[in-house]
Protein backbone atom coordinates (compact mmCIF):
# COMPACT_ATOMS: atom_id res chain seq x y z
CA UNK A 1 -0.12 12.84 -13.98
CA UNK A 2 -0.48 8.94 -13.08
CA UNK A 3 -4.54 8.83 -11.79
CA UNK A 4 -6.26 6.08 -11.64
CA UNK A 5 -9.95 5.38 -11.07
CA UNK A 6 -10.14 2.67 -8.66
CA UNK A 7 -14.00 2.91 -8.85
CA UNK A 8 -16.30 5.74 -8.70
CA UNK A 9 -15.24 6.85 -5.34
CA UNK A 10 -12.17 5.73 -5.63
CA UNK A 11 -9.20 6.64 -7.43
CA UNK A 12 -5.11 6.51 -6.83
CA UNK A 13 -2.92 8.77 -7.83
CA UNK A 14 0.79 9.49 -7.94
CA UNK A 15 1.74 11.72 -4.82
CA UNK A 16 3.21 15.80 -5.36
CA UNK A 17 4.75 18.21 -3.08
CA UNK A 18 0.88 19.85 -3.09
CA UNK A 19 0.48 16.63 -0.91
CA UNK A 20 2.73 16.78 1.18
CA UNK A 21 0.66 18.91 4.11
CA UNK A 22 -2.57 17.18 4.13
CA UNK A 23 -0.85 13.68 4.12
CA UNK A 24 1.18 14.80 7.07
CA UNK A 25 -1.97 15.97 8.99
CA UNK A 26 -3.59 12.81 8.17
CA UNK A 27 -0.43 10.58 9.65
CA UNK A 28 -1.05 12.93 12.95
CA UNK A 29 -4.72 12.12 13.15
CA UNK A 30 -3.66 8.82 12.56
CA UNK A 31 -0.32 8.22 15.15
CA UNK A 32 -2.09 6.00 17.34
CA UNK A 33 -3.32 4.01 15.16
CA UNK A 34 -0.55 3.84 12.42
CA UNK A 35 2.55 3.79 14.89
CA UNK A 36 2.26 0.77 16.28
CA UNK A 37 2.82 -1.36 12.64
CA UNK A 38 4.52 1.23 11.01
CA UNK A 39 8.02 2.40 12.30
CA UNK A 40 8.08 5.29 9.75
CA UNK A 41 5.11 6.92 11.65
CA UNK A 42 7.43 8.17 14.72
CA UNK A 43 9.84 9.41 12.56
CA UNK A 44 7.56 11.40 10.68
CA UNK A 45 7.40 14.62 12.68
CA UNK A 46 7.51 17.62 9.58
CA UNK A 47 5.44 18.38 6.58
CA UNK A 48 9.58 18.74 5.32
CA UNK A 49 9.63 14.79 6.36
CA UNK A 50 7.07 14.34 4.19
CA UNK A 51 7.87 16.72 1.57
CA UNK A 52 11.16 14.59 1.56
CA UNK A 53 9.08 11.19 1.78
CA UNK A 54 6.99 12.42 -1.50
CA UNK A 55 10.29 13.35 -3.48
CA UNK A 56 11.86 9.62 -3.15
CA UNK A 57 8.49 8.56 -4.29
CA UNK A 58 8.59 10.14 -7.34
CA UNK A 59 12.04 9.00 -7.90
CA UNK A 60 10.74 5.92 -8.09
CA UNK A 61 8.02 6.32 -10.54
CA UNK A 62 11.01 7.97 -12.64
CA UNK A 63 13.11 5.32 -11.90
CA UNK A 64 10.80 2.85 -12.80
CA UNK A 65 11.12 0.99 -10.33
CA UNK A 66 7.66 1.17 -9.08
CA UNK A 67 5.01 3.61 -7.61
CA UNK A 68 3.58 5.13 -4.26
CA UNK A 69 -0.16 6.88 -4.65
CA UNK A 70 -2.15 8.21 -2.83
CA UNK A 71 -5.60 6.64 -2.05
CA UNK A 72 -8.54 9.80 -2.60
CA UNK A 73 -11.56 8.36 -2.01
CA UNK A 74 -14.81 10.87 -2.51
CA UNK A 75 -12.29 13.67 -3.22
CA UNK A 76 -10.10 13.16 0.14
CA UNK A 77 -6.85 12.03 0.81
CA UNK A 78 -7.45 8.96 2.91
CA UNK A 79 -4.31 6.72 2.67
CA UNK A 80 -1.66 5.66 0.84
CA UNK A 81 -0.75 2.30 -1.28
CA UNK A 82 2.33 1.23 -3.06
CA UNK A 83 5.31 -0.67 -4.14
CA UNK A 84 8.67 -1.11 -2.56
CA UNK A 85 10.93 -1.27 -5.35
CA UNK A 86 10.38 -4.02 -8.41
CA UNK A 87 12.89 -6.27 -9.09
CA UNK A 88 12.41 -6.58 -12.65
CA UNK A 89 15.00 -9.30 -13.14
CA UNK A 90 12.57 -11.75 -11.51
CA UNK A 91 9.49 -9.88 -12.11
CA UNK A 92 8.42 -9.28 -8.23
CA UNK A 93 7.59 -6.92 -5.77
CA UNK A 94 6.19 -5.86 -2.74
CA UNK A 95 2.45 -3.70 -1.98
CA UNK A 96 2.41 -2.20 1.03
CA UNK A 97 -0.60 0.26 2.05
CA UNK A 98 -2.35 2.23 5.25
CA UNK A 99 -5.35 4.34 5.68
CA UNK A 100 -6.95 6.64 7.69
CA UNK A 101 -9.15 5.18 10.97
CA UNK A 102 -12.00 6.60 10.40
CA UNK A 103 -12.62 5.23 6.88
CA UNK A 104 -11.52 1.78 7.33
CA UNK A 105 -14.57 -1.17 7.01
CA UNK A 106 -15.71 0.67 3.83
CA UNK A 107 -13.64 -1.35 1.15
CA UNK A 108 -11.50 1.32 0.50
CA UNK A 109 -8.04 -0.51 0.87
CA UNK A 110 -9.69 -3.50 -0.76
CA UNK A 111 -10.64 -2.37 -3.78
CA UNK A 112 -6.86 0.01 -3.82
CA UNK A 113 -5.07 -2.91 -3.50
CA UNK A 114 -6.66 -5.50 -6.13
CA UNK A 115 -6.19 -2.43 -8.28
CA UNK A 116 -2.73 -2.37 -7.79
CA UNK A 117 -2.25 -5.79 -7.77
CA UNK A 118 -4.14 -6.25 -10.99
CA UNK A 119 -2.30 -3.63 -12.52
CA UNK A 120 1.13 -4.82 -11.59
CA UNK A 121 0.14 -8.68 -12.86
CA UNK A 122 -1.86 -8.35 -15.85
CA UNK A 123 -0.63 -4.59 -17.36
CA UNK A 124 2.94 -4.85 -15.78
CA UNK A 125 3.12 -8.25 -16.73
CA UNK A 126 4.57 -9.25 -13.01
CA UNK A 127 4.76 -12.69 -11.88
CA UNK A 128 4.92 -12.33 -7.99
CA UNK A 129 3.70 -9.82 -5.55
CA UNK A 130 4.01 -10.22 -1.89
CA UNK A 131 2.60 -8.48 0.68
CA UNK A 132 4.04 -8.65 4.86
CA UNK A 133 1.65 -7.91 7.93
CA UNK A 134 2.08 -8.50 11.34
CA UNK A 135 1.11 -11.15 12.91
CA UNK A 136 -1.01 -9.19 15.21
CA UNK A 137 -2.40 -6.88 12.78
CA UNK A 138 -5.73 -8.38 11.54
CA UNK A 139 -7.54 -5.16 9.32
CA UNK A 140 -4.40 -5.44 7.26
CA UNK A 141 -3.84 -9.27 7.31
CA UNK A 142 -7.52 -8.94 5.48
CA UNK A 143 -6.90 -7.37 2.98
CA UNK A 144 -4.56 -10.08 1.27
CA UNK A 145 -6.97 -13.14 2.90
CA UNK A 146 -9.84 -11.16 1.25
CA UNK A 147 -7.53 -11.10 -2.35
CA UNK A 148 -6.62 -14.72 -2.31
CA UNK A 149 -3.15 -14.62 -1.58
CA UNK A 150 -1.81 -17.30 -0.64
CA UNK A 151 -0.04 -17.19 2.89
CA UNK A 152 3.36 -18.53 2.51
CA UNK A 153 4.63 -18.56 6.31
CA UNK A 154 6.23 -16.51 9.00
CA UNK A 155 9.36 -14.63 9.33
CA UNK A 156 9.92 -14.25 12.76
CA UNK A 157 11.07 -11.19 14.21
CA UNK A 158 10.80 -9.75 10.83
CA UNK A 159 10.81 -5.87 11.79
CA UNK A 160 11.47 -3.43 15.02
CA UNK A 161 8.32 -2.09 15.55
CA UNK A 162 7.84 0.24 18.63
CA UNK A 163 6.86 -2.22 21.01
CA UNK A 164 9.90 -4.84 20.32
CA UNK A 165 10.03 -6.93 17.30
CA UNK A 166 7.20 -7.96 15.08
CA UNK A 167 6.79 -11.44 13.19
CA UNK A 168 5.34 -11.48 9.90
CA UNK A 169 3.03 -13.18 7.93
CA UNK A 170 4.27 -13.84 4.22
CA UNK A 171 1.50 -13.67 1.79
CA UNK A 172 2.41 -14.21 -2.00
CA UNK A 173 -0.26 -13.36 -5.45
CA UNK A 174 1.31 -15.33 -8.72
CA UNK A 175 0.59 -13.92 -12.01
CA UNK A 176 -1.12 -17.40 -12.60
CA UNK A 177 -3.17 -17.64 -9.54
CA UNK A 178 -4.41 -13.97 -9.85
CA UNK A 179 -8.49 -13.91 -10.41
CA UNK A 180 -9.71 -10.29 -10.85
CA UNK A 181 -13.02 -9.52 -8.19
CA UNK A 182 -16.32 -9.53 -10.00
CA UNK A 183 -15.95 -5.76 -9.52
CA UNK A 184 -13.40 -4.44 -11.69
CA UNK A 185 -14.94 -6.63 -14.65
CA UNK A 186 -15.32 -3.68 -17.46
CA UNK A 187 -12.73 -1.51 -16.42
């Protein structure tokens, strides 16, 4: 089982089927918060849907195609962070994340993403990581901006969301540009 200690209160763990019920409950509590930005939320209507998602993430790990991890804060599952597959020939990936609304503003996603980026660039020796955020999703955009990702441009009408097509901001971090945050020193 993959578990990564982000800080003394936060850890990342690979999802397993025991997480299906609490993860589904988390999505249920956050439907209004998540569905404007994440098209899969409206399609996730049962614990069975969450079990299928977790099974896909387990296969992703087994196939060496990245990972999807639960964010556990003070012992509670509060969100998810992970890769959308890895293109090993080009040593690149894209990461995504979401968090329980009541846990926003505590730096949980920033620290979790920093840990993931550091592991992917220094441990896995990837060269490039991208993050795509809907232009209007200022909370999500704050993460790559806080971590020093470069804004590369806008993808127009990149994804169909609940209320129409969304333009996405493309952010990227190269291994040569990554500067480990000070709080991570000594890890």
